[in-house]
Amino acid sequence: MARVMIDLTMSLDGFIAGPGDGEEHPLGKRGGMHIFDWYTSGAEPMHNNRLFRPEGVNREIVDRMYAELGAAIFGRRTYDITHGWGGTFPVNDAPLFILTHTPPPPARVPRGKSKITFITDGIEHAVAAAKAAAGDESVGIGGASAGQQALRAGLVDEIFVHVAPYLLGDGVRLFGPFEGEGITLEKLEVVDGPLATHLRYRVVKN
């Protein structure tokens, strides 16, 4: 059974992108790209992808990401900013499930190695479809909106946060307000790597 995991990098003050994120500044202004320095601080690429050049224990974190990810869920805004990753998600060419009210015309969907499915009827259906696609591997949720929706719906099993030593001061917050009782987390792992501390939690469900 696939685990559903929020897996995101954030600044120490809780932002996954700086202010003004968009096509010109995919991770926002104020140096938002620096929160991903831990991916690129080394010299040796991984998995034949120069996007990933971590060093030290960070390489183990990226290896685990490749070993575990079976499908991914994102919001429409992230999809648009990344231009749909050119049709090929950089980790495992994983199938993508995009939350949106209005899917783009088929002719405008990039063609690549990843199957891209647009979900118009909510996070519950997106998670169900992604879990079916992932099989025994994990479903990764990227983007603040998708993650917050899944948390509010009680659909998240784990949270894996990579905390960068950087303060953005403003931008896109990973966690937002929600109603009802607070959410209890069980710490599973803490890994201190170059330019990031990796914190993994299980979401305790009553």
Protein backbone atom coordinates (compact mmCIF):
# COMPACT_ATOMS: atom_id res chain seq x y z
CA MET A 1 0.00 0.00 0.00
CA ALA A 2 1.50 3.32 -1.05
CA ARG A 3 2.42 5.85 1.62
CA VAL A 4 1.37 9.44 1.01
CA MET A 5 4.21 11.81 1.83
CA ILE A 6 4.65 15.57 1.76
CA ASP A 7 8.27 15.92 0.62
CA LEU A 8 9.47 19.50 0.25
CA THR A 9 12.41 21.80 0.88
CA MET A 10 11.71 24.93 2.90
CA SER A 11 13.57 27.87 4.40
CA LEU A 12 14.11 27.94 8.14
CA ASP A 13 11.21 30.39 8.44
CA GLY A 14 8.81 28.03 6.69
CA PHE A 15 8.66 29.12 3.03
CA ILE A 16 9.00 26.82 0.00
CA ALA A 17 9.40 29.80 -2.34
CA GLY A 18 10.08 33.49 -1.95
CA PRO A 19 7.64 36.25 -2.89
CA GLY A 20 6.76 36.79 -6.53
CA ASP A 21 7.20 33.20 -7.69
CA GLY A 22 6.34 32.63 -11.33
CA GLU A 23 7.90 31.77 -14.67
CA GLU A 24 10.63 34.42 -14.34
CA HIS A 25 11.44 33.44 -10.74
CA PRO A 26 10.27 29.84 -10.23
CA LEU A 27 11.23 29.88 -6.55
CA GLY A 28 10.44 33.52 -6.00
CA LYS A 29 12.57 36.54 -5.33
CA ARG A 30 14.89 37.19 -2.36
CA GLY A 31 17.11 34.33 -3.49
CA GLY A 32 14.48 31.64 -3.25
CA MET A 33 16.67 29.30 -5.30
CA HIS A 34 19.09 29.09 -2.36
CA ILE A 35 16.80 26.75 -0.45
CA PHE A 36 17.79 24.11 -3.04
CA ASP A 37 21.54 24.65 -2.71
CA TRP A 38 21.78 21.28 -0.97
CA TYR A 39 20.81 19.60 -4.24
CA THR A 40 23.63 21.21 -6.21
CA SER A 41 26.53 21.85 -3.80
CA GLY A 42 28.59 18.90 -5.01
CA ALA A 43 30.36 18.09 -8.27
CA GLU A 44 29.10 14.64 -9.17
CA PRO A 45 25.67 14.29 -10.81
CA MET A 46 23.35 11.50 -9.68
CA HIS A 47 21.10 9.21 -11.70
CA ASN A 48 22.38 10.76 -14.94
CA ASN A 49 20.75 14.04 -14.01
CA ARG A 50 22.78 17.21 -13.48
CA LEU A 51 19.85 18.67 -11.58
CA PHE A 52 21.01 16.56 -8.63
CA ARG A 53 24.59 17.13 -7.50
CA PRO A 54 24.37 16.77 -3.70
CA GLU A 55 27.32 15.99 -1.46
CA GLY A 56 27.84 13.98 1.69
CA VAL A 57 24.81 12.43 3.31
CA ASN A 58 22.56 14.47 1.03
CA ARG A 59 23.35 11.95 -1.70
CA GLU A 60 21.71 9.26 0.40
CA ILE A 61 18.61 11.43 0.72
CA VAL A 62 18.36 11.81 -3.06
CA ASP A 63 18.99 8.07 -3.54
CA ARG A 64 16.11 7.35 -1.18
CA MET A 65 13.87 9.72 -3.11
CA TYR A 66 14.55 7.75 -6.28
CA ALA A 67 14.06 4.43 -4.51
CA GLU A 68 10.72 5.39 -2.96
CA LEU A 69 8.80 7.65 -5.36
CA GLY A 70 6.11 5.98 -7.42
CA ALA A 71 3.81 8.92 -8.27
CA ALA A 72 3.51 12.61 -7.49
CA ILE A 73 0.73 15.13 -6.87
CA PHE A 74 1.06 18.85 -7.56
CA GLY A 75 -1.21 21.85 -7.89
CA ARG A 76 -1.87 23.59 -11.18
CA ARG A 77 0.30 26.59 -10.25
CA THR A 78 3.39 24.44 -9.81
CA TYR A 79 2.61 22.65 -13.06
CA ASP A 80 2.36 25.96 -14.92
CA ILE A 81 5.53 27.44 -13.41
CA THR A 82 7.53 24.34 -14.37
CA HIS A 83 5.85 24.06 -17.79
CA GLY A 84 4.82 20.56 -16.80
CA TRP A 85 8.47 19.57 -16.39
CA GLY A 86 8.58 19.28 -20.16
CA GLY A 87 6.50 16.13 -19.85
CA THR A 88 9.15 14.23 -17.87
CA PHE A 89 9.31 14.47 -14.07
CA PRO A 90 12.98 14.44 -13.02
CA VAL A 91 12.58 11.62 -10.46
CA ASN A 92 11.81 8.20 -11.97
CA ASP A 93 9.81 9.78 -14.81
CA ALA A 94 7.03 9.39 -12.25
CA PRO A 95 3.37 9.73 -13.25
CA LEU A 96 1.95 13.11 -12.28
CA PHE A 97 -1.48 14.00 -10.93
CA ILE A 98 -2.28 17.70 -11.21
CA LEU A 99 -5.06 19.33 -9.20
CA THR A 100 -6.94 21.86 -11.30
CA HIS A 101 -10.39 23.27 -11.95
CA THR A 102 -9.79 23.51 -15.69
CA PRO A 103 -7.38 21.15 -17.48
CA PRO A 104 -5.35 22.62 -20.34
CA PRO A 105 -6.18 21.55 -23.90
CA PRO A 106 -4.49 18.22 -24.74
CA ALA A 107 -2.41 19.91 -27.44
CA ARG A 108 -0.78 22.12 -24.79
CA VAL A 109 0.21 19.28 -22.46
CA PRO A 110 3.91 18.50 -22.94
CA ARG A 111 4.74 15.01 -24.13
CA GLY A 112 7.48 13.14 -22.33
CA LYS A 113 8.12 10.03 -20.28
CA SER A 114 5.68 10.88 -17.46
CA LYS A 115 1.97 10.25 -17.74
CA ILE A 116 0.19 13.47 -16.70
CA THR A 117 -3.35 13.24 -15.36
CA PHE A 118 -5.44 16.28 -14.44
CA ILE A 119 -7.73 15.82 -11.45
CA THR A 120 -10.74 18.14 -11.29
CA ASP A 121 -12.71 16.57 -8.42
CA GLY A 122 -10.49 17.18 -5.41
CA ILE A 123 -7.55 15.97 -3.40
CA GLU A 124 -9.24 12.72 -2.31
CA HIS A 125 -9.53 11.57 -5.91
CA ALA A 126 -5.99 12.72 -6.68
CA VAL A 127 -4.58 10.68 -3.78
CA ALA A 128 -6.60 7.59 -4.72
CA ALA A 129 -5.44 7.75 -8.33
CA ALA A 130 -1.82 8.39 -7.37
CA LYS A 131 -1.80 5.50 -4.87
CA ALA A 132 -3.14 3.16 -7.55
CA ALA A 133 -0.36 4.27 -9.90
CA ALA A 134 2.38 4.06 -7.25
CA GLY A 135 1.63 0.50 -6.16
CA ASP A 136 3.97 -0.34 -3.26
CA GLU A 137 6.01 2.84 -3.70
CA SER A 138 5.31 6.26 -2.20
CA VAL A 139 3.10 9.09 -3.40
CA GLY A 140 4.95 12.38 -3.10
CA ILE A 141 3.01 15.61 -2.65
CA GLY A 142 4.76 18.76 -3.79
CA GLY A 143 3.58 22.33 -3.52
CA ALA A 144 2.00 24.08 -0.55
CA SER A 145 -1.60 24.02 -1.74
CA ALA A 146 -1.71 20.30 -2.49
CA GLY A 147 0.07 19.47 0.76
CA GLN A 148 -2.24 21.62 2.86
CA GLN A 149 -5.33 20.13 1.21
CA ALA A 150 -4.11 16.60 1.85
CA LEU A 151 -3.28 17.37 5.48
CA ARG A 152 -6.70 18.89 6.11
CA ALA A 153 -8.33 15.81 4.56
CA GLY A 154 -6.32 13.44 6.78
CA LEU A 155 -4.64 11.80 3.79
CA VAL A 156 -0.96 12.32 4.66
CA ASP A 157 1.05 9.49 6.23
CA GLU A 158 4.46 11.17 6.49
CA ILE A 159 6.06 14.59 6.21
CA PHE A 160 9.65 14.80 4.97
CA VAL A 161 10.96 18.35 5.21
CA HIS A 162 14.42 19.48 4.09
CA VAL A 163 15.17 22.64 6.08
CA ALA A 164 17.61 25.02 4.41
CA PRO A 165 19.72 27.50 6.42
CA TYR A 166 18.10 30.46 4.72
CA LEU A 167 15.49 33.04 5.73
CA LEU A 168 13.12 34.28 3.03
CA GLY A 169 10.92 36.47 5.22
CA ASP A 170 7.93 36.18 2.89
CA GLY A 171 6.59 34.01 0.11
CA VAL A 172 4.76 30.69 -0.14
CA ARG A 173 4.33 29.00 3.24
CA LEU A 174 4.53 25.24 3.41
CA PHE A 175 1.97 24.99 6.21
CA GLY A 176 -1.20 27.04 6.48
CA PRO A 177 -4.12 27.42 8.89
CA PHE A 178 -6.62 24.63 9.35
CA GLU A 179 -9.71 24.01 11.48
CA GLY A 180 -10.27 21.43 14.18
CA GLU A 181 -7.73 19.78 16.43
CA GLY A 182 -3.99 20.07 15.98
CA ILE A 183 -2.00 17.37 14.21
CA THR A 184 0.39 15.22 16.24
CA LEU A 185 3.62 14.12 14.56
CA GLU A 186 5.98 11.32 15.53
CA LYS A 187 9.63 12.01 14.74
CA LEU A 188 11.09 9.21 12.64
CA GLU A 189 14.45 10.59 11.57
CA VAL A 190 16.78 13.58 11.65
CA VAL A 191 19.67 13.74 9.19
CA ASP A 192 22.06 16.69 9.22
CA GLY A 193 23.61 17.23 5.81
CA PRO A 194 25.46 20.03 4.04
CA LEU A 195 23.12 22.99 3.54
CA ALA A 196 20.04 21.13 4.81
CA THR A 197 18.66 19.30 7.82
CA HIS A 198 16.29 16.53 6.81
CA LEU A 199 13.36 15.93 9.18
CA ARG A 200 11.00 13.02 8.73
CA TYR A 201 7.76 12.61 10.68
CA ARG A 202 4.85 10.21 10.78
CA VAL A 203 1.41 11.79 10.98
CA VAL A 204 -0.33 10.26 14.00
CA LYS A 205 -3.91 9.39 13.12
CA ASN A 206 -6.50 8.64 15.78
